[in-house]
Amino acid sequence: MFPVFIENSKIPVWLSKIPFVPIEIGAITLGPVVISRGTMSITTRRHEAIHWAQYVECAVVFFPILYFAFWIKNRIKGIAGAQAYYEIPFEKEAYANQEDPDYLLNRKLFAWARR
C-alpha cells in the first residue's frame, strides 16, 4: 500500500513559513497523502513512502505525535533546529534507505525504533 502523491502544491511552501519549522519543506507526508512543492524524484517518493510505512505502524494518529515529540526532545538536548530534524528516528530511517529500491519490500517492522 503506497501513499497518494500530489505534486506542484503550495502547501509545502506555506508550511515552510511557519516560524518553528527548521527546514524548507520540499515534500511532506500527511497520512496517506504526500504533497510536494515540485515534481518528486524517485528518491523523494521512496523517502516519503517510508514515512507512510511508519505512519501505518504508528496507527496513523501516533506518527505526528511521536515525530513532534522526537523533535522537541532533540531541541531540549540542545540540538539546533535543522539538525534536530535530521536526528528524528523517522527521518534517520528514511534518509538512510531512500536510495534502496527494495527497501520497502524488505523493511522490518518498526525499523525507525532501532535508529
C-alpha atoms as a PDB file:
ATOM      1  CA  MET A   1       0.000   0.000   0.000  1.00  0.00           C
ATOM      2  CA  PHE A   2       1.584   3.251  -1.148  1.00  0.00           C
ATOM      3  CA  PRO A   3       0.553   6.833  -0.472  1.00  0.00           C
ATOM      4  CA  VAL A   4      -1.122   9.176  -2.943  1.00  0.00           C
ATOM      5  CA  PHE A   5       1.356  11.667  -4.424  1.00  0.00           C
ATOM      6  CA  ILE A   6       0.352  15.269  -5.162  1.00  0.00           C
ATOM      7  CA  GLU A   7       2.950  17.397  -6.904  1.00  0.00           C
ATOM      8  CA  ASN A   8       3.347  21.127  -7.565  1.00  0.00           C
ATOM      9  CA  SER A   9       1.444  22.239  -4.475  1.00  0.00           C
ATOM     10  CA  LYS A  10       1.863  25.458  -2.484  1.00  0.00           C
ATOM     11  CA  ILE A  11       1.212  23.642   0.815  1.00  0.00           C
ATOM     12  CA  PRO A  12       4.905  22.782   1.460  1.00  0.00           C
ATOM     13  CA  VAL A  13       5.801  26.391   0.674  1.00  0.00           C
ATOM     14  CA  TRP A  14       3.250  27.679   3.191  1.00  0.00           C
ATOM     15  CA  LEU A  15       4.294  25.153   5.857  1.00  0.00           C
ATOM     16  CA  SER A  16       7.937  26.190   5.434  1.00  0.00           C
ATOM     17  CA  LYS A  17       6.971  29.714   6.537  1.00  0.00           C
ATOM     18  CA  ILE A  18       5.833  28.566   9.997  1.00  0.00           C
ATOM     19  CA  PRO A  19       8.380  30.109  12.389  1.00  0.00           C
ATOM     20  CA  PHE A  20       9.424  26.921  14.219  1.00  0.00           C
ATOM     21  CA  VAL A  21       9.774  24.777  11.062  1.00  0.00           C
ATOM     22  CA  PRO A  22      13.531  24.125  10.882  1.00  0.00           C
ATOM     23  CA  ILE A  23      13.881  23.307   7.173  1.00  0.00           C
ATOM     24  CA  GLU A  24      12.465  24.307   3.820  1.00  0.00           C
ATOM     25  CA  ILE A  25       9.915  21.605   3.100  1.00  0.00           C
ATOM     26  CA  GLY A  26      10.176  20.064  -0.352  1.00  0.00           C
ATOM     27  CA  ALA A  27       7.664  17.301   0.309  1.00  0.00           C
ATOM     28  CA  ILE A  28       5.612  16.222   3.296  1.00  0.00           C
ATOM     29  CA  THR A  29       3.655  13.098   4.144  1.00  0.00           C
ATOM     30  CA  LEU A  30       0.323  13.830   5.783  1.00  0.00           C
ATOM     31  CA  GLY A  31      -1.270  10.479   6.430  1.00  0.00           C
ATOM     32  CA  PRO A  32      -1.741   8.619   3.149  1.00  0.00           C
ATOM     33  CA  VAL A  33      -1.021  11.745   1.074  1.00  0.00           C
ATOM     34  CA  VAL A  34       2.390  13.069   0.037  1.00  0.00           C
ATOM     35  CA  ILE A  35       2.400  16.693  -1.077  1.00  0.00           C
ATOM     36  CA  SER A  36       5.385  18.291  -2.813  1.00  0.00           C
ATOM     37  CA  ARG A  37       6.210  21.784  -3.975  1.00  0.00           C
ATOM     38  CA  GLY A  38       7.543  20.485  -7.298  1.00  0.00           C
ATOM     39  CA  THR A  39       7.935  17.271  -9.226  1.00  0.00           C
ATOM     40  CA  MET A  40       9.163  14.448  -6.987  1.00  0.00           C
ATOM     41  CA  SER A  41      12.195  12.371  -7.830  1.00  0.00           C
ATOM     42  CA  ILE A  42      12.044   8.618  -7.282  1.00  0.00           C
ATOM     43  CA  THR A  43      14.277   9.151  -4.231  1.00  0.00           C
ATOM     44  CA  THR A  44      11.832  11.635  -2.721  1.00  0.00           C
ATOM     45  CA  ARG A  45       8.900   9.326  -3.467  1.00  0.00           C
ATOM     46  CA  ARG A  46      10.734   6.460  -1.770  1.00  0.00           C
ATOM     47  CA  HIS A  47      11.654   8.660   1.239  1.00  0.00           C
ATOM     48  CA  GLU A  48       8.038   9.719   1.683  1.00  0.00           C
ATOM     49  CA  ALA A  49       6.741   6.156   1.128  1.00  0.00           C
ATOM     50  CA  ILE A  50       8.975   5.089   4.030  1.00  0.00           C
ATOM     51  CA  HIS A  51       7.215   7.729   6.129  1.00  0.00           C
ATOM     52  CA  TRP A  52       3.857   6.276   5.083  1.00  0.00           C
ATOM     53  CA  ALA A  53       5.022   2.829   6.294  1.00  0.00           C
ATOM     54  CA  GLN A  54       5.967   4.487   9.597  1.00  0.00           C
ATOM     55  CA  TYR A  55       2.532   6.130   9.787  1.00  0.00           C
ATOM     56  CA  VAL A  56       0.864   2.742   9.342  1.00  0.00           C
ATOM     57  CA  GLU A  57       2.988   1.207  12.109  1.00  0.00           C
ATOM     58  CA  CYS A  58       2.036   4.070  14.416  1.00  0.00           C
ATOM     59  CA  ALA A  59      -1.700   3.613  13.748  1.00  0.00           C
ATOM     60  CA  VAL A  60      -1.585   6.877  11.743  1.00  0.00           C
ATOM     61  CA  VAL A  61      -2.528   9.153  14.657  1.00  0.00           C
ATOM     62  CA  PHE A  62       0.599   8.475  16.734  1.00  0.00           C
ATOM     63  CA  PHE A  63       3.102   9.260  13.967  1.00  0.00           C
ATOM     64  CA  PRO A  64       2.742  13.072  14.100  1.00  0.00           C
ATOM     65  CA  ILE A  65       2.700  12.993  17.902  1.00  0.00           C
ATOM     66  CA  LEU A  66       5.894  10.934  18.074  1.00  0.00           C
ATOM     67  CA  TYR A  67       7.508  12.940  15.276  1.00  0.00           C
ATOM     68  CA  PHE A  68       6.960  16.209  17.130  1.00  0.00           C
ATOM     69  CA  ALA A  69       7.993  14.634  20.476  1.00  0.00           C
ATOM     70  CA  PHE A  70      11.296  13.425  18.975  1.00  0.00           C
ATOM     71  CA  TRP A  71      11.969  16.892  17.572  1.00  0.00           C
ATOM     72  CA  ILE A  72      11.205  18.559  20.939  1.00  0.00           C
ATOM     73  CA  LYS A  73      13.416  16.007  22.725  1.00  0.00           C
ATOM     74  CA  ASN A  74      16.270  16.836  20.344  1.00  0.00           C
ATOM     75  CA  ARG A  75      15.797  20.567  20.904  1.00  0.00           C
ATOM     76  CA  ILE A  76      15.786  20.068  24.689  1.00  0.00           C
ATOM     77  CA  LYS A  77      19.061  18.155  24.306  1.00  0.00           C
ATOM     78  CA  GLY A  78      20.447  21.344  22.737  1.00  0.00           C
ATOM     79  CA  ILE A  79      20.475  20.178  19.130  1.00  0.00           C
ATOM     80  CA  ALA A  80      19.901  23.069  16.693  1.00  0.00           C
ATOM     81  CA  GLY A  81      16.672  23.211  14.631  1.00  0.00           C
ATOM     82  CA  ALA A  82      17.676  21.626  11.314  1.00  0.00           C
ATOM     83  CA  GLN A  83      19.958  19.047  12.942  1.00  0.00           C
ATOM     84  CA  ALA A  84      17.175  18.208  15.429  1.00  0.00           C
ATOM     85  CA  TYR A  85      15.027  17.367  12.381  1.00  0.00           C
ATOM     86  CA  TYR A  86      17.704  15.083  10.884  1.00  0.00           C
ATOM     87  CA  GLU A  87      18.074  13.313  14.258  1.00  0.00           C
ATOM     88  CA  ILE A  88      14.402  12.264  14.379  1.00  0.00           C
ATOM     89  CA  PRO A  89      14.410   8.432  14.117  1.00  0.00           C
ATOM     90  CA  PHE A  90      11.753   8.536  11.373  1.00  0.00           C
ATOM     91  CA  GLU A  91      13.988  10.804   9.279  1.00  0.00           C
ATOM     92  CA  LYS A  92      17.118   8.778  10.009  1.00  0.00           C
ATOM     93  CA  GLU A  93      15.452   5.657   8.629  1.00  0.00           C
ATOM     94  CA  ALA A  94      14.028   7.444   5.591  1.00  0.00           C
ATOM     95  CA  TYR A  95      17.281   9.206   4.652  1.00  0.00           C
ATOM     96  CA  ALA A  96      19.384   6.064   5.233  1.00  0.00           C
ATOM     97  CA  ASN A  97      17.210   3.975   2.907  1.00  0.00           C
ATOM     98  CA  GLN A  98      15.768   6.355   0.311  1.00  0.00           C
ATOM     99  CA  GLU A  99      18.220   5.166  -2.366  1.00  0.00           C
ATOM    100  CA  ASP A 100      17.347   1.463  -1.971  1.00  0.00           C
ATOM    101  CA  PRO A 101      14.598   0.478  -4.445  1.00  0.00           C
ATOM    102  CA  ASP A 102      13.916  -2.751  -2.495  1.00  0.00           C
ATOM    103  CA  TYR A 103      13.879  -1.261   0.977  1.00  0.00           C
ATOM    104  CA  LEU A 104      10.121  -1.225   1.452  1.00  0.00           C
ATOM    105  CA  LEU A 105       9.908  -4.836   0.284  1.00  0.00           C
ATOM    106  CA  ASN A 106      12.465  -5.953   2.896  1.00  0.00           C
ATOM    107  CA  ARG A 107      11.833  -3.416   5.647  1.00  0.00           C
ATOM    108  CA  LYS A 108      11.487  -4.763   9.176  1.00  0.00           C
ATOM    109  CA  LEU A 109       8.605  -3.524  11.322  1.00  0.00           C
ATOM    110  CA  PHE A 110       9.464  -0.529  13.492  1.00  0.00           C
ATOM    111  CA  ALA A 111      12.867  -0.146  11.816  1.00  0.00           C
ATOM    112  CA  TRP A 112      12.832   3.510  12.853  1.00  0.00           C
ATOM    113  CA  ALA A 113      12.866   2.465  16.534  1.00  0.00           C
ATOM    114  CA  ARG A 114      16.283   0.861  16.035  1.00  0.00           C
ATOM    115  CA  ARG A 115      17.868   4.182  14.973  1.00  0.00           C
END
